[in-house]
Amino acid sequence: MGEAVAETVGERFRELYGAEPEGVWAAPGRVNLIGEHTDYNDGFVMPFALPHTAVAAVSRRDDGILRLHSADIGAGPVELRVADLAPGSDKAWTAYPSGVVWALREAGHELTGADVHLASTVPSGAGLSSSAALEVVVALALNDLYSLGLCGRQLARLCQRAENVYVGAPVGIMDQTASACCEAGHALFLDTRDLSQRQIPFDLAAEGMRLLVVDTRVKHSHSEGEYGKRRAGCEKGAALLGVDALRDVPYADLDAALERLGDEEEIRRLVRHIVTENERVERVVSLLESGDTRAIGPVLVEGHASLRDDFRISCPELDLVVDTALAAGALGARMTGGGFGGSAIVLVEAADVEPVTEAVRDAFAAAAFKTPRTFEAVPSAGARRVG
């Protein structure tokens, strides 16, 4: 995020609202290295921030009006009354930023309005947390402008509440925390129960490797039922096992836990994924901290098999990326994000970037799928002021 981008967003703000913005902020999308669907089970995740960001130019208002404009939508600005914001009242894209305003006010913070212009380079619907980036950038801007004194973890919680309650999407805390708290050159080892976190150095380029993101261009929506069904199933599994969350089922006790679930086959699959996925996160952390980075490749593959077979949230396009990349020499690959489309990640030696990319592109063409978008994922900075 350079000064030129901040200036462009500020320029458009001036055209829309006839005044200078009080500042410009950026918040990134994220890729999850390992730890999928564990966040709403109080488990472990390991995301890192992308260089792709949502950018907001913002100024305060004192008349109770919230004006929102997106460079990516084009129409607007949309004008809302702060006092009228309520869950379910907004079904458009504006629900994400207006939900943040609602959540901040619900938490007791006095906000008297704002003018907001947004632009984003985070691919929408690709499983890279474009909505969380939008929420976090607005939350950070309002936190700074209104001197609310909230830290990244607190902003993440409020943004999650906005998406859960105001938007109606039952997401966990990972995406918002990654956008708010990640550091450049690191992956974030996050315990989603208490939000304790460790920044784990993750510099693949220095070790002769790259991590590719392959956007299948298959769209998904968390607020449509399948994501919610998985979450409800996990909660049922925890209740049947007598624990607060599936995080509390030890990996060593998994077989006994599955036996106790009897013929609840669907619940058994969900439980098996969550318990083994938490163990995979801890294994990846251990490998990275010991300097055995290449050894995380097979762990990524294990994670994909679990998401495909137990959690059942993959799709033909995601499976094709993983299978083709591995056949072309990738060290590891798996789907990432909420599932039912979106993106896969592929760990490769630097020399294999082009051969693997071409193999995936050719396989998609042969299957008559949309041409995938592939780019390198570089661990980048979290949310910050840029202008």
Protein backbone atom coordinates (compact mmCIF):
# COMPACT_ATOMS: atom_id res chain seq x y z
CA MET A 1 0.00 0.00 0.00
CA GLY A 2 1.79 3.14 -1.18
CA GLU A 3 1.17 6.83 -0.95
CA ALA A 4 -0.12 6.85 -4.53
CA VAL A 5 -3.04 4.54 -3.66
CA ALA A 6 -3.92 6.59 -0.59
CA GLU A 7 -3.86 9.72 -2.73
CA THR A 8 -6.15 8.16 -5.35
CA VAL A 9 -8.70 7.16 -2.72
CA GLY A 10 -8.45 10.58 -1.09
CA GLU A 11 -8.96 12.26 -4.46
CA ARG A 12 -12.17 10.31 -5.08
CA PHE A 13 -13.36 11.21 -1.58
CA ARG A 14 -12.92 14.89 -2.42
CA GLU A 15 -14.94 14.47 -5.62
CA LEU A 16 -17.76 12.71 -3.77
CA TYR A 17 -17.99 14.79 -0.62
CA GLY A 18 -16.44 18.13 -1.54
CA ALA A 19 -13.85 18.14 1.23
CA GLU A 20 -10.57 16.53 2.27
CA PRO A 21 -10.84 13.24 4.19
CA GLU A 22 -9.47 13.31 7.70
CA GLY A 23 -7.38 10.26 6.86
CA VAL A 24 -6.94 7.10 4.79
CA TRP A 25 -6.66 3.59 6.24
CA ALA A 26 -6.00 0.09 4.83
CA ALA A 27 -6.86 -3.41 6.07
CA PRO A 28 -5.76 -6.60 4.32
CA GLY A 29 -7.45 -9.77 3.22
CA ARG A 30 -5.92 -12.97 4.49
CA VAL A 31 -4.90 -16.47 3.53
CA ASN A 32 -5.23 -19.20 6.13
CA LEU A 33 -2.17 -21.42 6.07
CA ILE A 34 -3.80 -24.11 8.23
CA GLY A 35 -6.71 -24.31 10.71
CA GLU A 36 -10.00 -24.33 8.81
CA HIS A 37 -13.39 -24.01 10.57
CA THR A 38 -11.63 -24.34 13.92
CA ASP A 39 -12.18 -20.70 14.87
CA TYR A 40 -15.85 -21.02 15.84
CA ASN A 41 -14.90 -24.16 17.79
CA ASP A 42 -12.53 -22.19 20.06
CA GLY A 43 -9.57 -23.79 18.28
CA PHE A 44 -6.28 -22.85 16.65
CA VAL A 45 -5.74 -21.08 13.33
CA MET A 46 -2.74 -19.79 11.41
CA PRO A 47 -3.54 -17.05 8.89
CA PHE A 48 -1.34 -14.40 7.39
CA ALA A 49 -2.24 -11.08 5.78
CA LEU A 50 -2.15 -10.53 2.03
CA PRO A 51 -0.83 -7.44 0.24
CA HIS A 52 -4.39 -7.01 -1.13
CA THR A 53 -6.32 -4.48 0.96
CA ALA A 54 -9.55 -2.64 1.49
CA VAL A 55 -8.81 1.09 1.68
CA ALA A 56 -11.05 3.73 3.27
CA ALA A 57 -10.93 7.51 3.18
CA VAL A 58 -13.04 8.76 6.09
CA SER A 59 -14.17 11.92 7.82
CA ARG A 60 -16.43 12.41 10.84
CA ARG A 61 -19.88 14.00 10.73
CA ASP A 62 -21.84 15.47 13.63
CA ASP A 63 -25.38 15.19 12.24
CA GLY A 64 -26.06 11.47 12.70
CA ILE A 65 -25.66 10.68 8.99
CA LEU A 66 -23.52 7.86 7.60
CA ARG A 67 -22.62 8.19 3.91
CA LEU A 68 -20.99 5.20 2.20
CA HIS A 69 -19.51 4.88 -1.25
CA SER A 70 -17.60 2.02 -2.89
CA ALA A 71 -15.38 2.38 -5.93
CA ASP A 72 -16.13 -1.28 -6.65
CA ILE A 73 -19.92 -0.86 -6.70
CA GLY A 74 -20.09 2.52 -8.40
CA ALA A 75 -23.51 3.69 -7.25
CA GLY A 76 -24.04 6.04 -4.35
CA PRO A 77 -23.11 7.46 -2.02
CA VAL A 78 -25.67 5.58 0.10
CA GLU A 79 -26.99 7.69 2.95
CA LEU A 80 -28.11 6.10 6.23
CA ARG A 81 -29.14 7.44 9.62
CA VAL A 82 -26.88 6.15 12.38
CA ALA A 83 -29.79 5.97 14.83
CA ASP A 84 -31.77 3.73 12.46
CA LEU A 85 -29.11 1.06 12.02
CA ALA A 86 -30.39 -2.33 13.19
CA PRO A 87 -29.69 -6.00 12.40
CA GLY A 88 -31.46 -7.07 9.23
CA SER A 89 -32.14 -3.50 8.11
CA ASP A 90 -29.51 -3.54 5.37
CA LYS A 91 -29.12 -6.39 2.87
CA ALA A 92 -26.72 -4.63 0.46
CA TRP A 93 -22.89 -4.37 0.52
CA THR A 94 -23.29 -1.44 2.91
CA ALA A 95 -24.26 -3.89 5.68
CA TYR A 96 -20.57 -4.55 6.36
CA PRO A 97 -19.47 -0.97 7.10
CA SER A 98 -22.82 0.07 8.59
CA GLY A 99 -22.76 -3.06 10.77
CA VAL A 100 -19.44 -1.90 12.21
CA VAL A 101 -20.97 1.47 13.12
CA TRP A 102 -23.90 -0.35 14.75
CA ALA A 103 -21.57 -2.67 16.70
CA LEU A 104 -19.45 0.22 17.97
CA ARG A 105 -22.54 2.10 19.13
CA GLU A 106 -23.95 -1.06 20.73
CA ALA A 107 -20.68 -1.35 22.67
CA GLY A 108 -21.27 2.13 24.10
CA HIS A 109 -19.13 4.23 21.77
CA GLU A 110 -20.72 7.50 20.69
CA LEU A 111 -20.47 7.94 16.92
CA THR A 112 -22.17 10.91 15.30
CA GLY A 113 -21.75 9.89 11.67
CA ALA A 114 -19.15 9.65 8.95
CA ASP A 115 -18.43 10.08 5.25
CA VAL A 116 -16.69 6.99 3.88
CA HIS A 117 -15.23 6.13 0.49
CA LEU A 118 -14.00 2.54 0.03
CA ALA A 119 -11.94 0.71 -2.56
CA SER A 120 -10.64 -2.85 -2.40
CA THR A 121 -8.17 -5.08 -4.19
CA VAL A 122 -9.16 -8.17 -2.15
CA PRO A 123 -10.88 -10.59 -4.54
CA SER A 124 -14.53 -10.95 -3.54
CA GLY A 125 -15.93 -14.44 -2.97
CA ALA A 126 -12.48 -16.02 -3.22
CA GLY A 127 -12.22 -17.12 0.41
CA LEU A 128 -9.72 -14.36 1.16
CA SER A 129 -11.81 -12.38 3.65
CA SER A 130 -12.83 -9.41 1.55
CA SER A 131 -15.72 -8.71 3.94
CA ALA A 132 -13.50 -8.79 7.04
CA ALA A 133 -11.07 -6.36 5.39
CA LEU A 134 -13.97 -4.00 4.72
CA GLU A 135 -15.15 -4.22 8.31
CA VAL A 136 -11.73 -3.81 9.88
CA VAL A 137 -10.69 -0.81 7.79
CA VAL A 138 -13.87 1.06 8.76
CA ALA A 139 -13.50 0.05 12.42
CA LEU A 140 -9.88 1.20 12.55
CA ALA A 141 -10.69 4.53 10.88
CA LEU A 142 -13.53 5.25 13.31
CA ASN A 143 -11.40 4.08 16.25
CA ASP A 144 -8.71 6.60 15.29
CA LEU A 145 -11.02 9.47 14.37
CA TYR A 146 -13.23 9.15 17.45
CA SER A 147 -10.29 8.32 19.78
CA LEU A 148 -11.98 5.15 21.03
CA GLY A 149 -8.73 3.60 22.24
CA LEU A 150 -9.54 0.06 21.07
CA CYS A 151 -6.75 -2.42 20.28
CA GLY A 152 -6.68 -4.75 17.28
CA ARG A 153 -8.20 -7.68 19.18
CA GLN A 154 -11.09 -5.53 20.43
CA LEU A 155 -11.76 -4.19 16.94
CA ALA A 156 -11.75 -7.76 15.61
CA ARG A 157 -14.37 -8.84 18.17
CA LEU A 158 -16.61 -5.91 17.28
CA CYS A 159 -16.26 -6.63 13.56
CA GLN A 160 -17.14 -10.27 14.13
CA ARG A 161 -20.24 -9.19 16.06
CA ALA A 162 -21.19 -6.91 13.17
CA GLU A 163 -20.98 -9.80 10.71
CA ASN A 164 -22.67 -12.34 13.00
CA VAL A 165 -25.55 -10.20 14.22
CA TYR A 166 -25.98 -7.33 11.77
CA VAL A 167 -25.10 -9.10 8.51
CA GLY A 168 -26.29 -12.52 9.67
CA ALA A 169 -23.24 -14.58 8.68
CA PRO A 170 -22.10 -17.06 11.41
CA VAL A 171 -18.36 -16.52 10.92
CA GLY A 172 -15.67 -17.09 13.53
CA ILE A 173 -13.11 -14.59 14.77
CA MET A 174 -10.14 -15.55 12.58
CA ASP A 175 -10.69 -13.33 9.55
CA GLN A 176 -11.14 -10.09 11.47
CA THR A 177 -8.22 -10.84 13.81
CA ALA A 178 -5.93 -11.64 10.89
CA SER A 179 -6.82 -8.38 9.16
CA ALA A 180 -6.37 -6.35 12.33
CA CYS A 181 -3.33 -8.03 13.90
CA CYS A 182 -1.05 -9.74 11.35
CA GLU A 183 2.53 -8.58 10.82
CA ALA A 184 4.59 -8.54 7.63
CA GLY A 185 6.80 -11.60 7.18
CA HIS A 186 4.88 -13.65 9.72
CA ALA A 187 1.97 -16.06 10.08
CA LEU A 188 -0.31 -15.50 13.07
CA PHE A 189 -0.69 -18.47 15.45
CA LEU A 190 -4.00 -17.58 17.08
CA ASP A 191 -5.89 -19.26 19.90
CA THR A 192 -9.45 -18.22 19.10
CA ARG A 193 -10.68 -18.95 22.62
CA ASP A 194 -8.75 -16.19 24.37
CA LEU A 195 -7.25 -14.44 21.30
CA SER A 196 -3.72 -15.05 22.56
CA GLN A 197 -1.39 -14.96 19.58
CA ARG A 198 2.18 -15.50 18.45
CA GLN A 199 3.78 -14.11 15.33
CA ILE A 200 5.60 -17.00 13.64
CA PRO A 201 8.32 -16.00 11.11
CA PHE A 202 7.25 -17.16 7.66
CA ASP A 203 9.66 -16.05 4.95
CA LEU A 204 9.35 -18.62 2.18
CA ALA A 205 11.36 -16.60 -0.33
CA ALA A 206 14.43 -16.77 1.90
CA GLU A 207 14.16 -20.57 1.82
CA GLY A 208 13.63 -20.84 -1.93
CA MET A 209 9.89 -21.49 -1.81
CA ARG A 210 6.68 -19.72 -2.72
CA LEU A 211 3.05 -20.03 -1.63
CA LEU A 212 0.59 -19.60 -4.48
CA VAL A 213 -3.06 -18.71 -4.13
CA VAL A 214 -5.25 -20.19 -6.86
CA ASP A 215 -8.64 -18.45 -7.02
CA THR A 216 -11.00 -20.94 -8.71
CA ARG A 217 -13.48 -18.11 -9.41
CA VAL A 218 -16.21 -20.27 -7.93
CA LYS A 219 -18.18 -17.97 -5.64
CA HIS A 220 -19.56 -18.80 -2.23
CA SER A 221 -21.62 -17.02 0.41
CA HIS A 222 -21.27 -17.76 4.13
CA SER A 223 -24.71 -16.41 4.94
CA GLU A 224 -26.29 -19.09 2.77
CA GLY A 225 -27.00 -22.29 4.70
CA GLU A 226 -24.13 -24.77 4.36
CA TYR A 227 -21.61 -22.88 6.51
CA GLY A 228 -24.26 -22.47 9.21
CA LYS A 229 -25.10 -26.18 9.06
CA ARG A 230 -21.48 -27.10 9.71
CA ARG A 231 -21.31 -24.76 12.66
CA ALA A 232 -24.55 -26.11 14.13
CA GLY A 233 -23.27 -29.66 13.66
CA CYS A 234 -20.08 -28.84 15.53
CA GLU A 235 -22.07 -27.32 18.37
CA LYS A 236 -24.24 -30.44 18.52
CA GLY A 237 -21.11 -32.59 18.64
CA ALA A 238 -19.72 -30.58 21.54
CA ALA A 239 -23.03 -30.89 23.41
CA LEU A 240 -23.18 -34.66 22.86
CA LEU A 241 -19.61 -34.99 24.15
CA GLY A 242 -20.28 -32.75 27.15
CA VAL A 243 -17.64 -30.12 26.33
CA ASP A 244 -17.91 -26.37 25.86
CA ALA A 245 -16.41 -26.58 22.36
CA LEU A 246 -14.72 -29.19 20.18
CA ARG A 247 -11.44 -27.51 21.10
CA ASP A 248 -11.79 -29.37 24.40
CA VAL A 249 -11.60 -32.84 22.83
CA PRO A 250 -7.92 -33.92 23.10
CA TYR A 251 -6.38 -35.38 19.97
CA ALA A 252 -5.29 -38.43 21.97
CA ASP A 253 -8.92 -39.06 22.97
CA LEU A 254 -10.40 -38.70 19.48
CA ASP A 255 -11.17 -42.38 18.92
CA ALA A 256 -12.97 -42.65 22.25
CA ALA A 257 -14.95 -39.49 21.48
CA LEU A 258 -16.02 -40.82 18.11
CA GLU A 259 -17.16 -44.06 19.74
CA ARG A 260 -19.33 -42.11 22.16
CA LEU A 261 -21.07 -40.43 19.22
CA GLY A 262 -22.33 -43.83 18.07
CA ASP A 263 -24.30 -43.74 14.81
CA GLU A 264 -24.25 -39.93 14.50
CA GLU A 265 -22.12 -40.32 11.35
CA GLU A 266 -22.41 -36.73 10.12
CA ILE A 267 -21.46 -35.37 13.56
CA ARG A 268 -18.60 -37.88 13.81
CA ARG A 269 -17.10 -36.53 10.57
CA LEU A 270 -17.32 -32.93 11.72
CA VAL A 271 -15.75 -33.74 15.09
CA ARG A 272 -12.93 -35.72 13.46
CA HIS A 273 -12.04 -32.80 11.21
CA ILE A 274 -11.97 -30.19 13.96
CA VAL A 275 -9.91 -32.29 16.40
CA THR A 276 -7.38 -33.37 13.77
CA GLU A 277 -7.20 -29.87 12.28
CA ASN A 278 -6.25 -28.36 15.64
CA GLU A 279 -3.47 -30.94 15.85
CA ARG A 280 -2.33 -30.01 12.34
CA VAL A 281 -2.05 -26.35 13.30
CA GLU A 282 0.15 -27.22 16.27
CA ARG A 283 2.27 -29.48 14.05
CA VAL A 284 2.80 -26.71 11.48
CA VAL A 285 3.80 -24.25 14.20
CA SER A 286 6.34 -26.76 15.52
CA LEU A 287 7.76 -27.41 12.05
CA LEU A 288 8.11 -23.71 11.25
CA GLU A 289 9.74 -22.93 14.57
CA SER A 290 12.21 -25.78 14.08
CA GLY A 291 13.10 -24.55 10.59
CA ASP A 292 11.65 -27.59 8.79
CA THR A 293 9.41 -25.53 6.54
CA ARG A 294 9.21 -27.94 3.62
CA ALA A 295 7.73 -30.58 5.92
CA ILE A 296 4.51 -28.57 6.24
CA GLY A 297 3.57 -29.59 2.67
CA PRO A 298 2.15 -33.03 3.58
CA VAL A 299 0.27 -31.48 6.51
CA LEU A 300 -1.49 -29.14 4.08
CA VAL A 301 -2.48 -32.15 1.97
CA GLU A 302 -3.86 -33.92 5.06
CA GLY A 303 -5.91 -30.82 5.81
CA HIS A 304 -7.43 -30.81 2.34
CA ALA A 305 -8.41 -34.47 2.56
CA SER A 306 -10.11 -33.80 5.89
CA LEU A 307 -12.02 -30.80 4.51
CA ARG A 308 -13.01 -32.78 1.43
CA ASP A 309 -13.99 -36.07 3.04
CA ASP A 310 -15.01 -35.26 6.62
CA PHE A 311 -16.19 -31.65 6.51
CA ARG A 312 -17.41 -32.03 2.91
CA ILE A 313 -16.90 -28.43 1.84
CA SER A 314 -14.60 -28.81 -1.14
CA CYS A 315 -15.73 -28.77 -4.78
CA PRO A 316 -14.45 -30.23 -8.08
CA GLU A 317 -12.46 -27.09 -8.92
CA LEU A 318 -10.65 -27.03 -5.56
CA ASP A 319 -9.90 -30.76 -5.75
CA LEU A 320 -8.55 -30.29 -9.27
CA VAL A 321 -6.14 -27.56 -8.11
CA VAL A 322 -4.79 -29.75 -5.31
CA ASP A 323 -4.48 -32.94 -7.34
CA THR A 324 -2.94 -31.21 -10.37
CA ALA A 325 -0.47 -29.14 -8.33
CA LEU A 326 0.75 -32.20 -6.42
CA ALA A 327 1.14 -34.18 -9.64
CA ALA A 328 3.18 -31.28 -11.08
CA GLY A 329 5.63 -31.33 -8.18
CA ALA A 330 4.12 -29.07 -5.51
CA LEU A 331 5.26 -29.66 -1.94
CA GLY A 332 1.73 -29.37 -0.62
CA ALA A 333 -1.69 -27.91 -1.39
CA ARG A 334 -5.14 -27.52 0.14
CA MET A 335 -8.31 -25.50 -0.14
CA THR A 336 -8.42 -22.44 2.11
CA GLY A 337 -11.31 -20.41 3.47
CA GLY A 338 -14.93 -21.25 4.14
CA GLY A 339 -15.31 -23.72 1.28
CA PHE A 340 -17.82 -24.46 -1.49
CA GLY A 341 -15.54 -22.57 -3.88
CA GLY A 342 -13.01 -19.82 -3.38
CA SER A 343 -9.28 -20.49 -3.34
CA ALA A 344 -6.63 -23.13 -2.77
CA ILE A 345 -3.06 -22.60 -1.60
CA VAL A 346 -0.09 -24.37 -3.17
CA LEU A 347 3.38 -24.63 -1.60
CA VAL A 348 6.08 -24.91 -4.28
CA GLU A 349 9.80 -24.62 -4.79
CA ALA A 350 10.57 -21.26 -6.42
CA ALA A 351 11.65 -22.98 -9.65
CA ASP A 352 8.27 -24.76 -9.89
CA VAL A 353 6.01 -21.70 -9.83
CA GLU A 354 5.51 -21.55 -13.59
CA PRO A 355 5.22 -25.31 -14.26
CA VAL A 356 2.66 -25.76 -11.49
CA THR A 357 0.71 -22.64 -12.52
CA GLU A 358 0.59 -23.81 -16.13
CA ALA A 359 -0.43 -27.35 -15.15
CA VAL A 360 -3.37 -26.04 -13.12
CA ARG A 361 -4.41 -23.66 -15.89
CA ASP A 362 -4.29 -26.47 -18.47
CA ALA A 363 -6.26 -28.82 -16.23
CA PHE A 364 -8.99 -26.20 -15.78
CA ALA A 365 -9.17 -25.66 -19.53
CA ALA A 366 -9.45 -29.41 -20.15
CA ALA A 367 -12.29 -29.61 -17.60
CA ALA A 368 -14.05 -26.58 -19.18
CA PHE A 369 -13.79 -24.66 -15.90
CA LYS A 370 -13.28 -20.89 -15.70
CA THR A 371 -9.64 -19.85 -16.01
CA PRO A 372 -8.27 -19.63 -12.45
CA ARG A 373 -6.45 -16.57 -11.13
CA THR A 374 -3.08 -17.41 -9.55
CA PHE A 375 -0.83 -15.10 -7.55
CA GLU A 376 1.90 -15.33 -4.96
CA ALA A 377 0.87 -14.84 -1.34
CA VAL A 378 3.40 -12.71 0.54
CA PRO A 379 2.87 -12.33 4.32
CA SER A 380 2.05 -8.64 4.72
CA ALA A 381 1.15 -6.01 7.30
CA GLY A 382 -2.17 -5.85 9.12
CA ALA A 383 -4.52 -2.88 9.31
CA ARG A 384 -2.90 0.54 9.53
CA ARG A 385 -3.26 4.22 8.68
CA VAL A 386 -1.76 5.05 5.28
CA GLY A 387 -2.64 8.69 4.74
